[in-house]
Amino acid sequence: MIKKVYSSDLDLYNLSTKRVDFSIPKDTFDYRGLVVNKPWGYEYLIFQNGSVAIWVLNLKVNGSTSLHCHPQKKTSLIVLSG
């Protein structure tokens, strides 16, 4: 099943109160071939080119990531199970 999730008014308000610092240097570390452990599970990069990066995220049961956004990027999530 594919489901589109829309931003709520509360989501838009919370994001509007955040400041974005574009002066932070871009992360140039090469994550290919590494499993990156996170408090909520782990992630790893399976493909990357100049236009797209595909990450696999594995969340612990009942886990969740923090609220965050990626300025100037579009993000899609495909739930494979759970």
C-alpha atoms as a PDB file:
ATOM      1  CA  MET A   1       0.000   0.000   0.000  1.00  0.00           C
ATOM      2  CA  ILE A   2       1.274   3.473  -0.842  1.00  0.00           C
ATOM      3  CA  LYS A   3       0.067   6.268   1.377  1.00  0.00           C
ATOM      4  CA  LYS A   4       0.825   9.944   1.004  1.00  0.00           C
ATOM      5  CA  VAL A   5       1.291  11.773   4.289  1.00  0.00           C
ATOM      6  CA  TYR A   6       0.432  15.446   4.326  1.00  0.00           C
ATOM      7  CA  SER A   7       1.853  18.062   6.666  1.00  0.00           C
ATOM      8  CA  SER A   8      -0.557  19.193   9.355  1.00  0.00           C
ATOM      9  CA  ASP A   9      -0.925  22.811  10.430  1.00  0.00           C
ATOM     10  CA  LEU A  10       1.019  21.897  13.583  1.00  0.00           C
ATOM     11  CA  ASP A  11       3.826  20.382  11.475  1.00  0.00           C
ATOM     12  CA  LEU A  12       4.049  23.540   9.371  1.00  0.00           C
ATOM     13  CA  TYR A  13       4.013  25.741  12.463  1.00  0.00           C
ATOM     14  CA  ASN A  14       6.773  23.724  14.176  1.00  0.00           C
ATOM     15  CA  LEU A  15       8.935  23.790  11.055  1.00  0.00           C
ATOM     16  CA  SER A  16       8.388  27.530  10.625  1.00  0.00           C
ATOM     17  CA  THR A  17       9.847  28.168  14.076  1.00  0.00           C
ATOM     18  CA  LYS A  18      13.128  26.435  13.214  1.00  0.00           C
ATOM     19  CA  ARG A  19      16.097  28.296  11.796  1.00  0.00           C
ATOM     20  CA  VAL A  20      18.246  26.737   9.113  1.00  0.00           C
ATOM     21  CA  ASP A  21      21.959  27.473   9.046  1.00  0.00           C
ATOM     22  CA  PHE A  22      23.077  27.030   5.438  1.00  0.00           C
ATOM     23  CA  SER A  23      26.652  27.942   6.388  1.00  0.00           C
ATOM     24  CA  ILE A  24      27.210  24.479   7.885  1.00  0.00           C
ATOM     25  CA  PRO A  25      29.590  22.663   5.531  1.00  0.00           C
ATOM     26  CA  LYS A  26      28.177  19.776   3.522  1.00  0.00           C
ATOM     27  CA  ASP A  27      28.979  16.340   4.939  1.00  0.00           C
ATOM     28  CA  THR A  28      31.536  14.854   2.537  1.00  0.00           C
ATOM     29  CA  PHE A  29      32.117  11.594   4.422  1.00  0.00           C
ATOM     30  CA  ASP A  30      31.676   8.490   2.245  1.00  0.00           C
ATOM     31  CA  TYR A  31      29.030   6.347   3.962  1.00  0.00           C
ATOM     32  CA  ARG A  32      28.959   3.631   1.287  1.00  0.00           C
ATOM     33  CA  GLY A  33      29.542   0.194   2.756  1.00  0.00           C
ATOM     34  CA  LEU A  34      28.988   1.321   6.364  1.00  0.00           C
ATOM     35  CA  VAL A  35      26.166   0.515   8.747  1.00  0.00           C
ATOM     36  CA  VAL A  36      25.456   3.648  10.785  1.00  0.00           C
ATOM     37  CA  ASN A  37      24.051   2.774  14.208  1.00  0.00           C
ATOM     38  CA  LYS A  38      21.424   5.147  15.584  1.00  0.00           C
ATOM     39  CA  PRO A  39      19.493   5.197  18.878  1.00  0.00           C
ATOM     40  CA  TRP A  40      16.389   4.079  16.947  1.00  0.00           C
ATOM     41  CA  GLY A  41      18.050   1.323  14.904  1.00  0.00           C
ATOM     42  CA  TYR A  42      20.461   1.646  11.987  1.00  0.00           C
ATOM     43  CA  GLU A  43      20.785   2.929   8.442  1.00  0.00           C
ATOM     44  CA  TYR A  44      23.000   2.307   5.456  1.00  0.00           C
ATOM     45  CA  LEU A  45      23.482   3.887   2.074  1.00  0.00           C
ATOM     46  CA  ILE A  46      22.797   1.502  -0.804  1.00  0.00           C
ATOM     47  CA  PHE A  47      23.028   3.914  -3.758  1.00  0.00           C
ATOM     48  CA  GLN A  48      24.131   7.462  -4.416  1.00  0.00           C
ATOM     49  CA  ASN A  49      24.745   9.649  -7.444  1.00  0.00           C
ATOM     50  CA  GLY A  50      24.589  13.392  -8.107  1.00  0.00           C
ATOM     51  CA  SER A  51      20.790  13.428  -7.998  1.00  0.00           C
ATOM     52  CA  VAL A  52      19.645  10.814  -5.504  1.00  0.00           C
ATOM     53  CA  ALA A  53      20.696   8.900  -2.410  1.00  0.00           C
ATOM     54  CA  ILE A  54      18.890   5.750  -1.281  1.00  0.00           C
ATOM     55  CA  TRP A  55      19.201   4.786   2.374  1.00  0.00           C
ATOM     56  CA  VAL A  56      17.795   1.728   4.108  1.00  0.00           C
ATOM     57  CA  LEU A  57      16.519   2.591   7.588  1.00  0.00           C
ATOM     58  CA  ASN A  58      15.792  -0.169  10.078  1.00  0.00           C
ATOM     59  CA  LEU A  59      13.813   1.073  13.072  1.00  0.00           C
ATOM     60  CA  LYS A  60      13.516  -0.883  16.308  1.00  0.00           C
ATOM     61  CA  VAL A  61      10.033  -2.165  17.170  1.00  0.00           C
ATOM     62  CA  ASN A  62       7.959   0.828  18.324  1.00  0.00           C
ATOM     63  CA  GLY A  63      10.939   3.089  17.552  1.00  0.00           C
ATOM     64  CA  SER A  64      10.892   6.408  15.780  1.00  0.00           C
ATOM     65  CA  THR A  65      13.335   8.922  14.412  1.00  0.00           C
ATOM     66  CA  SER A  66      13.470  12.517  15.550  1.00  0.00           C
ATOM     67  CA  LEU A  67      11.525  15.249  13.795  1.00  0.00           C
ATOM     68  CA  HIS A  68      13.869  16.648  11.190  1.00  0.00           C
ATOM     69  CA  CYS A  69      13.914  18.003   7.687  1.00  0.00           C
ATOM     70  CA  HIS A  70      16.364  18.252   4.840  1.00  0.00           C
ATOM     71  CA  PRO A  71      16.254  21.736   3.310  1.00  0.00           C
ATOM     72  CA  GLN A  72      16.363  21.734  -0.481  1.00  0.00           C
ATOM     73  CA  LYS A  73      15.721  17.963  -0.635  1.00  0.00           C
ATOM     74  CA  LYS A  74      12.662  15.837  -1.295  1.00  0.00           C
ATOM     75  CA  THR A  75      12.309  12.772   0.901  1.00  0.00           C
ATOM     76  CA  SER A  76      10.229   9.668   0.247  1.00  0.00           C
ATOM     77  CA  LEU A  77       9.792   6.714   2.576  1.00  0.00           C
ATOM     78  CA  ILE A  78       8.747   3.251   1.446  1.00  0.00           C
ATOM     79  CA  VAL A  79       7.682   0.961   4.291  1.00  0.00           C
ATOM     80  CA  LEU A  80       8.654  -2.620   3.502  1.00  0.00           C
ATOM     81  CA  SER A  81       7.171  -4.202   6.610  1.00  0.00           C
ATOM     82  CA  GLY A  82       5.796  -3.376  10.053  1.00  0.00           C
END
